[in-house]
C-alpha cells in the first residue's frame, strides 16, 4: 500500500486508525470485565464507532472522548485482579 498511489503517510494513518479501533475494543472489553453481555456490547459499539468515522467526522470527537473514560474504567475494574 505504501508503494502504490496511497503514499506512506496514508498507510501510517490507516495503521494508526486500526490500532486505535483495536485498542478501543480491548479497553471496552476490560471496562465491563465480569459481565460478558456488556463487554461484548461495548466492544461492538467501539468498533462501530470507529467505522462510523469514515462516514462523518463528528464521530471522531465521540471516539476520542470514549478513550479516557474506558481507560479509567478498565483500570479501576482490573485493580481487584492486580496484586500490586
PDB file of N, CA and C in Angstrom:
ATOM      1  N   UNK A   1       0.819  -1.181   0.000  1.00  0.00           N
ATOM      2  CA  UNK A   1       0.000   0.000   0.000  1.00  0.00           C
ATOM      3  C   UNK A   1       0.873   1.259   0.000  1.00  0.00           C
ATOM      4  N   UNK A   2       1.988   1.217   0.711  1.00  0.00           N
ATOM      5  CA  UNK A   2       2.848   2.394   0.784  1.00  0.00           C
ATOM      6  C   UNK A   2       3.577   2.645  -0.528  1.00  0.00           C
ATOM      7  N   UNK A   3       3.750   1.627  -1.345  1.00  0.00           N
ATOM      8  CA  UNK A   3       4.461   1.794  -2.611  1.00  0.00           C
ATOM      9  C   UNK A   3       3.536   2.199  -3.751  1.00  0.00           C
ATOM     10  N   UNK A   4       2.253   2.096  -3.550  1.00  0.00           N
ATOM     11  CA  UNK A   4       1.280   2.437  -4.588  1.00  0.00           C
ATOM     12  C   UNK A   4       0.937   3.917  -4.562  1.00  0.00           C
ATOM     13  N   UNK A   5      -0.218   4.264  -5.114  1.00  0.00           N
ATOM     14  CA  UNK A   5      -0.608   5.672  -5.168  1.00  0.00           C
ATOM     15  C   UNK A   5      -0.966   6.257  -3.797  1.00  0.00           C
ATOM     16  N   UNK A   6      -1.182   5.418  -2.823  1.00  0.00           N
ATOM     17  CA  UNK A   6      -1.550   5.908  -1.491  1.00  0.00           C
ATOM     18  C   UNK A   6      -0.315   6.030  -0.624  1.00  0.00           C
ATOM     19  N   UNK A   7       0.488   6.920  -0.683  1.00  0.00           N
ATOM     20  CA  UNK A   7       1.791   7.112  -0.058  1.00  0.00           C
ATOM     21  C   UNK A   7       1.931   6.499   1.334  1.00  0.00           C
ATOM     22  N   UNK A   8       3.106   6.631   1.884  1.00  0.00           N
ATOM     23  CA  UNK A   8       3.381   6.069   3.205  1.00  0.00           C
ATOM     24  C   UNK A   8       2.651   6.839   4.300  1.00  0.00           C
ATOM     25  N   UNK A   9       2.297   8.067   4.061  1.00  0.00           N
ATOM     26  CA  UNK A   9       1.572   8.851   5.066  1.00  0.00           C
ATOM     27  C   UNK A   9       0.168   8.285   5.271  1.00  0.00           C
ATOM     28  N   UNK A  10      -0.508   7.970   4.188  1.00  0.00           N
ATOM     29  CA  UNK A  10      -1.843   7.397   4.319  1.00  0.00           C
ATOM     30  C   UNK A  10      -1.780   5.980   4.879  1.00  0.00           C
ATOM     31  N   UNK A  11      -0.718   5.254   4.571  1.00  0.00           N
ATOM     32  CA  UNK A  11      -0.543   3.928   5.151  1.00  0.00           C
ATOM     33  C   UNK A  11      -0.353   4.022   6.655  1.00  0.00           C
ATOM     34  N   UNK A  12       0.445   4.967   7.093  1.00  0.00           N
ATOM     35  CA  UNK A  12       0.657   5.167   8.522  1.00  0.00           C
ATOM     36  C   UNK A  12      -0.635   5.606   9.205  1.00  0.00           C
ATOM     37  N   UNK A  13      -1.400   6.471   8.558  1.00  0.00           N
ATOM     38  CA  UNK A  13      -2.686   6.890   9.111  1.00  0.00           C
ATOM     39  C   UNK A  13      -3.660   5.740   9.246  1.00  0.00           C
ATOM     40  N   UNK A  14      -3.684   4.874   8.241  1.00  0.00           N
ATOM     41  CA  UNK A  14      -4.570   3.705   8.288  1.00  0.00           C
ATOM     42  C   UNK A  14      -4.153   2.746   9.404  1.00  0.00           C
ATOM     43  N   UNK A  15      -2.861   2.549   9.584  1.00  0.00           N
ATOM     44  CA  UNK A  15      -2.384   1.677  10.658  1.00  0.00           C
ATOM     45  C   UNK A  15      -2.698   2.256  12.027  1.00  0.00           C
ATOM     46  N   UNK A  16      -2.537   3.563  12.196  1.00  0.00           N
ATOM     47  CA  UNK A  16      -2.852   4.196  13.469  1.00  0.00           C
ATOM     48  C   UNK A  16      -4.349   4.143  13.765  1.00  0.00           C
ATOM     49  N   UNK A  17      -5.167   4.327  12.735  1.00  0.00           N
ATOM     50  CA  UNK A  17      -6.607   4.244  12.926  1.00  0.00           C
ATOM     51  C   UNK A  17      -7.011   2.814  13.317  1.00  0.00           C
ATOM     52  N   UNK A  18      -6.427   1.821  12.676  1.00  0.00           N
ATOM     53  CA  UNK A  18      -6.727   0.424  13.012  1.00  0.00           C
ATOM     54  C   UNK A  18      -6.281   0.102  14.428  1.00  0.00           C
ATOM     55  N   UNK A  19      -5.134   0.625  14.826  1.00  0.00           N
ATOM     56  CA  UNK A  19      -4.644   0.413  16.188  1.00  0.00           C
ATOM     57  C   UNK A  19      -5.560   1.082  17.205  1.00  0.00           C
ATOM     58  N   UNK A  20      -6.075   2.253  16.875  1.00  0.00           N
ATOM     59  CA  UNK A  20      -6.995   2.946  17.779  1.00  0.00           C
ATOM     60  C   UNK A  20      -8.300   2.172  17.943  1.00  0.00           C
ATOM     61  N   UNK A  21      -8.818   1.623  16.868  1.00  0.00           N
ATOM     62  CA  UNK A  21     -10.058   0.840  16.947  1.00  0.00           C
ATOM     63  C   UNK A  21      -9.826  -0.441  17.759  1.00  0.00           C
ATOM     64  N   UNK A  22      -8.702  -1.090  17.536  1.00  0.00           N
ATOM     65  CA  UNK A  22      -8.378  -2.303  18.288  1.00  0.00           C
ATOM     66  C   UNK A  22      -8.178  -2.004  19.763  1.00  0.00           C
ATOM     67  N   UNK A  23      -7.490  -0.920  20.072  1.00  0.00           N
ATOM     68  CA  UNK A  23      -7.284  -0.536  21.467  1.00  0.00           C
ATOM     69  C   UNK A  23      -8.600  -0.181  22.138  1.00  0.00           C
ATOM     70  N   UNK A  24      -9.472   0.516  21.420  1.00  0.00           N
ATOM     71  CA  UNK A  24     -10.788   0.852  21.975  1.00  0.00           C
ATOM     72  C   UNK A  24     -11.615  -0.389  22.268  1.00  0.00           C
ATOM     73  N   UNK A  25     -11.552  -1.362  21.389  1.00  0.00           N
ATOM     74  CA  UNK A  25     -12.297  -2.605  21.629  1.00  0.00           C
ATOM     75  C   UNK A  25     -11.720  -3.370  22.818  1.00  0.00           C
ATOM     76  N   UNK A  26     -10.416  -3.351  22.961  1.00  0.00           N
ATOM     77  CA  UNK A  26      -9.783  -4.033  24.090  1.00  0.00           C
ATOM     78  C   UNK A  26     -10.094  -3.331  25.402  1.00  0.00           C
ATOM     79  N   UNK A  27     -10.069  -2.011  25.399  1.00  0.00           N
ATOM     80  CA  UNK A  27     -10.428  -1.270  26.606  1.00  0.00           C
ATOM     81  C   UNK A  27     -11.892  -1.481  26.970  1.00  0.00           C
ATOM     82  N   UNK A  28     -12.749  -1.565  25.972  1.00  0.00           N
ATOM     83  CA  UNK A  28     -14.170  -1.801  26.229  1.00  0.00           C
ATOM     84  C   UNK A  28     -14.391  -3.184  26.822  1.00  0.00           C
ATOM     85  N   UNK A  29     -13.568  -4.141  26.425  1.00  0.00           N
ATOM     86  CA  UNK A  29     -13.705  -5.490  26.974  1.00  0.00           C
ATOM     87  C   UNK A  29     -13.405  -5.505  28.465  1.00  0.00           C
ATOM     88  N   UNK A  30     -12.342  -4.844  28.868  1.00  0.00           N
ATOM     89  CA  UNK A  30     -11.944  -4.898  30.263  1.00  0.00           C
ATOM     90  C   UNK A  30     -12.625  -3.842  31.118  1.00  0.00           C
ATOM     91  N   UNK A  31     -13.317  -2.892  30.526  1.00  0.00           N
ATOM     92  CA  UNK A  31     -14.063  -1.918  31.314  1.00  0.00           C
ATOM     93  C   UNK A  31     -15.285  -2.564  31.964  1.00  0.00           C
ATOM     94  N   UNK A  32     -15.843  -3.561  31.316  1.00  0.00           N
ATOM     95  CA  UNK A  32     -17.011  -4.266  31.841  1.00  0.00           C
ATOM     96  C   UNK A  32     -16.686  -5.751  31.973  1.00  0.00           C
ATOM     97  N   UNK A  33     -15.556  -6.077  32.567  1.00  0.00           N
ATOM     98  CA  UNK A  33     -14.987  -7.417  32.518  1.00  0.00           C
ATOM     99  C   UNK A  33     -15.885  -8.535  33.029  1.00  0.00           C
ATOM    100  N   UNK A  34     -16.405  -8.516  34.228  1.00  0.00           N
ATOM    101  CA  UNK A  34     -17.149  -9.713  34.661  1.00  0.00           C
ATOM    102  C   UNK A  34     -18.443  -9.940  33.893  1.00  0.00           C
ATOM    103  N   UNK A  35     -19.041  -8.895  33.357  1.00  0.00           N
ATOM    104  CA  UNK A  35     -20.312  -9.026  32.660  1.00  0.00           C
ATOM    105  C   UNK A  35     -20.051  -9.222  31.160  1.00  0.00           C
ATOM    106  N   UNK A  36     -20.305 -10.417  30.677  1.00  0.00           N
ATOM    107  CA  UNK A  36     -19.992 -10.736  29.280  1.00  0.00           C
ATOM    108  C   UNK A  36     -20.879  -9.982  28.294  1.00  0.00           C
ATOM    109  N   UNK A  37     -22.146  -9.798  28.636  1.00  0.00           N
ATOM    110  CA  UNK A  37     -23.053  -9.112  27.718  1.00  0.00           C
ATOM    111  C   UNK A  37     -22.647  -7.652  27.513  1.00  0.00           C
ATOM    112  N   UNK A  38     -22.377  -6.945  28.595  1.00  0.00           N
ATOM    113  CA  UNK A  38     -21.963  -5.545  28.480  1.00  0.00           C
ATOM    114  C   UNK A  38     -20.602  -5.420  27.804  1.00  0.00           C
ATOM    115  N   UNK A  39     -19.731  -6.362  28.077  1.00  0.00           N
ATOM    116  CA  UNK A  39     -18.405  -6.336  27.482  1.00  0.00           C
ATOM    117  C   UNK A  39     -18.485  -6.470  25.965  1.00  0.00           C
ATOM    118  N   UNK A  40     -19.244  -7.421  25.492  1.00  0.00           N
ATOM    119  CA  UNK A  40     -19.378  -7.627  24.044  1.00  0.00           C
ATOM    120  C   UNK A  40     -20.136  -6.490  23.374  1.00  0.00           C
ATOM    121  N   UNK A  41     -21.134  -5.971  24.055  1.00  0.00           N
ATOM    122  CA  UNK A  41     -21.895  -4.857  23.504  1.00  0.00           C
ATOM    123  C   UNK A  41     -21.032  -3.613  23.353  1.00  0.00           C
ATOM    124  N   UNK A  42     -20.220  -3.327  24.342  1.00  0.00           N
ATOM    125  CA  UNK A  42     -19.337  -2.159  24.269  1.00  0.00           C
ATOM    126  C   UNK A  42     -18.245  -2.366  23.226  1.00  0.00           C
ATOM    127  N   UNK A  43     -17.765  -3.587  23.068  1.00  0.00           N
ATOM    128  CA  UNK A  43     -16.782  -3.860  22.023  1.00  0.00           C
ATOM    129  C   UNK A  43     -17.371  -3.592  20.642  1.00  0.00           C
ATOM    130  N   UNK A  44     -18.571  -4.068  20.412  1.00  0.00           N
ATOM    131  CA  UNK A  44     -19.230  -3.831  19.130  1.00  0.00           C
ATOM    132  C   UNK A  44     -19.477  -2.344  18.928  1.00  0.00           C
ATOM    133  N   UNK A  45     -19.840  -1.655  19.991  1.00  0.00           N
ATOM    134  CA  UNK A  45     -20.065  -0.218  19.902  1.00  0.00           C
ATOM    135  C   UNK A  45     -18.803   0.556  19.551  1.00  0.00           C
ATOM    136  N   UNK A  46     -17.675   0.177  20.127  1.00  0.00           N
ATOM    137  CA  UNK A  46     -16.427   0.869  19.824  1.00  0.00           C
ATOM    138  C   UNK A  46     -15.969   0.607  18.393  1.00  0.00           C
ATOM    139  N   UNK A  47     -16.135  -0.612  17.925  1.00  0.00           N
ATOM    140  CA  UNK A  47     -15.759  -0.915  16.540  1.00  0.00           C
ATOM    141  C   UNK A  47     -16.691  -0.193  15.574  1.00  0.00           C
ATOM    142  N   UNK A  48     -17.974  -0.178  15.879  1.00  0.00           N
ATOM    143  CA  UNK A  48     -18.926   0.537  15.021  1.00  0.00           C
ATOM    144  C   UNK A  48     -18.632   2.032  15.022  1.00  0.00           C
ATOM    145  N   UNK A  49     -18.283   2.570  16.180  1.00  0.00           N
ATOM    146  CA  UNK A  49     -17.940   3.982  16.255  1.00  0.00           C
ATOM    147  C   UNK A  49     -16.670   4.278  15.468  1.00  0.00           C
ATOM    148  N   UNK A  50     -15.719   3.360  15.511  1.00  0.00           N
ATOM    149  CA  UNK A  50     -14.506   3.531  14.723  1.00  0.00           C
ATOM    150  C   UNK A  50     -14.770   3.478  13.232  1.00  0.00           C
ATOM    151  N   UNK A  51     -15.740   2.697  12.823  1.00  0.00           N
ATOM    152  CA  UNK A  51     -16.078   2.620  11.406  1.00  0.00           C
ATOM    153  C   UNK A  51     -16.962   3.780  10.955  1.00  0.00           C
ATOM    154  N   UNK A  52     -17.728   4.339  11.871  1.00  0.00           N
ATOM    155  CA  UNK A  52     -18.577   5.474  11.521  1.00  0.00           C
ATOM    156  C   UNK A  52     -17.776   6.741  11.257  1.00  0.00           C
ATOM    157  N   UNK A  53     -16.537   6.772  11.694  1.00  0.00           N
ATOM    158  CA  UNK A  53     -15.679   7.928  11.440  1.00  0.00           C
ATOM    159  C   UNK A  53     -15.520   8.146   9.938  1.00  0.00           C
ATOM    160  N   UNK A  54     -15.562   7.074   9.176  1.00  0.00           N
ATOM    161  CA  UNK A  54     -15.430   7.179   7.724  1.00  0.00           C
ATOM    162  C   UNK A  54     -16.618   7.938   7.124  1.00  0.00           C
ATOM    163  N   UNK A  55     -17.801   7.759   7.689  1.00  0.00           N
ATOM    164  CA  UNK A  55     -18.997   8.395   7.150  1.00  0.00           C
ATOM    165  C   UNK A  55     -19.143   9.859   7.553  1.00  0.00           C
ATOM    166  N   UNK A  56     -18.802  10.176   8.788  1.00  0.00           N
ATOM    167  CA  UNK A  56     -18.989  11.536   9.278  1.00  0.00           C
ATOM    168  C   UNK A  56     -17.902  11.841  10.304  1.00  0.00           C
ATOM    169  N   UNK A  57     -17.292  13.001  10.192  1.00  0.00           N
ATOM    170  CA  UNK A  57     -16.174  13.330  11.077  1.00  0.00           C
ATOM    171  C   UNK A  57     -16.611  13.735  12.479  1.00  0.00           C
ATOM    172  N   UNK A  58     -17.907  13.872  12.713  1.00  0.00           N
ATOM    173  CA  UNK A  58     -18.392  14.207  14.045  1.00  0.00           C
ATOM    174  C   UNK A  58     -18.085  13.078  15.028  1.00  0.00           C
ATOM    175  N   UNK A  59     -18.037  11.869  14.537  1.00  0.00           N
ATOM    176  CA  UNK A  59     -17.806  10.722  15.403  1.00  0.00           C
ATOM    177  C   UNK A  59     -16.369  10.660  15.921  1.00  0.00           C
ATOM    178  N   UNK A  60     -15.459  11.421  15.345  1.00  0.00           N
ATOM    179  CA  UNK A  60     -14.083  11.446  15.853  1.00  0.00           C
ATOM    180  C   UNK A  60     -14.036  11.963  17.271  1.00  0.00           C
ATOM    181  N   UNK A  61     -14.803  13.004  17.556  1.00  0.00           N
ATOM    182  CA  UNK A  61     -14.815  13.570  18.904  1.00  0.00           C
ATOM    183  C   UNK A  61     -15.391  12.578  19.909  1.00  0.00           C
ATOM    184  N   UNK A  62     -16.429  11.887  19.524  1.00  0.00           N
ATOM    185  CA  UNK A  62     -17.025  10.886  20.413  1.00  0.00           C
ATOM    186  C   UNK A  62     -16.073   9.715  20.634  1.00  0.00           C
ATOM    187  N   UNK A  63     -15.387   9.318  19.574  1.00  0.00           N
ATOM    188  CA  UNK A  63     -14.410   8.232  19.685  1.00  0.00           C
ATOM    189  C   UNK A  63     -13.247   8.644  20.586  1.00  0.00           C
ATOM    190  N   UNK A  64     -12.789   9.891  20.438  1.00  0.00           N
ATOM    191  CA  UNK A  64     -11.689  10.380  21.270  1.00  0.00           C
ATOM    192  C   UNK A  64     -12.124  10.570  22.720  1.00  0.00           C
ATOM    193  N   UNK A  65     -13.371  10.938  22.941  1.00  0.00           N
ATOM    194  CA  UNK A  65     -13.863  11.127  24.302  1.00  0.00           C
ATOM    195  C   UNK A  65     -14.081   9.795  25.016  1.00  0.00           C
ATOM    196  N   UNK A  66     -14.304   8.741  24.271  1.00  0.00           N
ATOM    197  CA  UNK A  66     -14.537   7.437  24.882  1.00  0.00           C
ATOM    198  C   UNK A  66     -13.257   6.817  25.433  1.00  0.00           C
ATOM    199  N   UNK A  67     -12.114   7.184  24.885  1.00  0.00           N
ATOM    200  CA  UNK A  67     -10.857   6.576  25.320  1.00  0.00           C
ATOM    201  C   UNK A  67     -10.523   6.829  26.786  1.00  0.00           C
ATOM    202  N   UNK A  68     -10.505   8.077  27.274  1.00  0.00           N
ATOM    203  CA  UNK A  68     -10.170   8.261  28.692  1.00  0.00           C
ATOM    204  C   UNK A  68     -11.180   7.623  29.635  1.00  0.00           C
ATOM    205  N   UNK A  69     -12.444   7.625  29.235  1.00  0.00           N
ATOM    206  CA  UNK A  69     -13.476   7.010  30.077  1.00  0.00           C
ATOM    207  C   UNK A  69     -13.248   5.513  30.178  1.00  0.00           C
ATOM    208  N   UNK A  70     -13.020   4.875  29.046  1.00  0.00           N
ATOM    209  CA  UNK A  70     -12.794   3.426  29.064  1.00  0.00           C
ATOM    210  C   UNK A  70     -11.473   3.071  29.734  1.00  0.00           C
ATOM    211  N   UNK A  71     -10.470   3.918  29.587  1.00  0.00           N
ATOM    212  CA  UNK A  71      -9.182   3.650  30.220  1.00  0.00           C
ATOM    213  C   UNK A  71      -9.297   3.688  31.736  1.00  0.00           C
ATOM    214  N   UNK A  72      -9.932   4.707  32.277  1.00  0.00           N
ATOM    215  CA  UNK A  72     -10.063   4.783  33.732  1.00  0.00           C
ATOM    216  C   UNK A  72     -10.988   3.699  34.270  1.00  0.00           C
ATOM    217  N   UNK A  73     -12.056   3.401  33.534  1.00  0.00           N
ATOM    218  CA  UNK A  73     -12.982   2.360  33.999  1.00  0.00           C
ATOM    219  C   UNK A  73     -12.339   0.977  33.960  1.00  0.00           C
ATOM    220  N   UNK A  74     -11.559   0.687  32.916  1.00  0.00           N
ATOM    221  CA  UNK A  74     -10.917  -0.627  32.845  1.00  0.00           C
ATOM    222  C   UNK A  74      -9.811  -0.757  33.885  1.00  0.00           C
ATOM    223  N   UNK A  75      -9.073   0.326  34.140  1.00  0.00           N
ATOM    224  CA  UNK A  75      -8.039   0.267  35.187  1.00  0.00           C
ATOM    225  C   UNK A  75      -8.673   0.051  36.557  1.00  0.00           C
ATOM    226  N   UNK A  76      -9.787   0.727  36.817  1.00  0.00           N
ATOM    227  CA  UNK A  76     -10.474   0.569  38.099  1.00  0.00           C
ATOM    228  C   UNK A  76     -11.057  -0.833  38.236  1.00  0.00           C
ATOM    229  N   UNK A  77     -11.603  -1.359  37.129  1.00  0.00           N
ATOM    230  CA  UNK A  77     -12.221  -2.691  37.180  1.00  0.00           C
ATOM    231  C   UNK A  77     -11.169  -3.789  37.365  1.00  0.00           C
ATOM    232  N   UNK A  78     -10.021  -3.641  36.727  1.00  0.00           N
ATOM    233  CA  UNK A  78      -8.989  -4.660  36.824  1.00  0.00           C
ATOM    234  C   UNK A  78      -8.083  -4.495  38.051  1.00  0.00           C
ATOM    235  N   UNK A  79      -8.281  -3.446  38.824  1.00  0.00           N
ATOM    236  CA  UNK A  79      -7.465  -3.239  40.017  1.00  0.00           C
ATOM    237  C   UNK A  79      -7.676  -4.345  41.043  1.00  0.00           C
ATOM    238  N   UNK A  80      -8.839  -4.959  41.060  1.00  0.00           N
ATOM    239  CA  UNK A  80      -9.083  -6.051  42.009  1.00  0.00           C
ATOM    240  C   UNK A  80      -8.323  -7.316  41.637  1.00  0.00           C
ATOM    241  N   UNK A  81      -7.908  -7.428  40.377  1.00  0.00           N
ATOM    242  CA  UNK A  81      -7.212  -8.626  39.943  1.00  0.00           C
ATOM    243  C   UNK A  81      -5.689  -8.457  39.952  1.00  0.00           C
ATOM    244  N   UNK A  82      -5.212  -7.229  40.145  1.00  0.00           N
ATOM    245  CA  UNK A  82      -3.768  -6.996  40.226  1.00  0.00           C
ATOM    246  C   UNK A  82      -3.306  -7.199  41.656  1.00  0.00           C
ATOM    247  N   UNK A  83      -2.091  -7.633  41.786  1.00  0.00           N
ATOM    248  CA  UNK A  83      -1.529  -7.833  43.111  1.00  0.00           C
ATOM    249  C   UNK A  83      -0.336  -6.911  43.315  1.00  0.00           C
ATOM    250  N   UNK A  84      -0.575  -5.599  43.152  1.00  0.00           N
ATOM    251  CA  UNK A  84       0.499  -4.613  43.326  1.00  0.00           C
ATOM    252  C   UNK A  84       0.721  -4.300  44.784  1.00  0.00           C
TER     253      UNK A  84
END
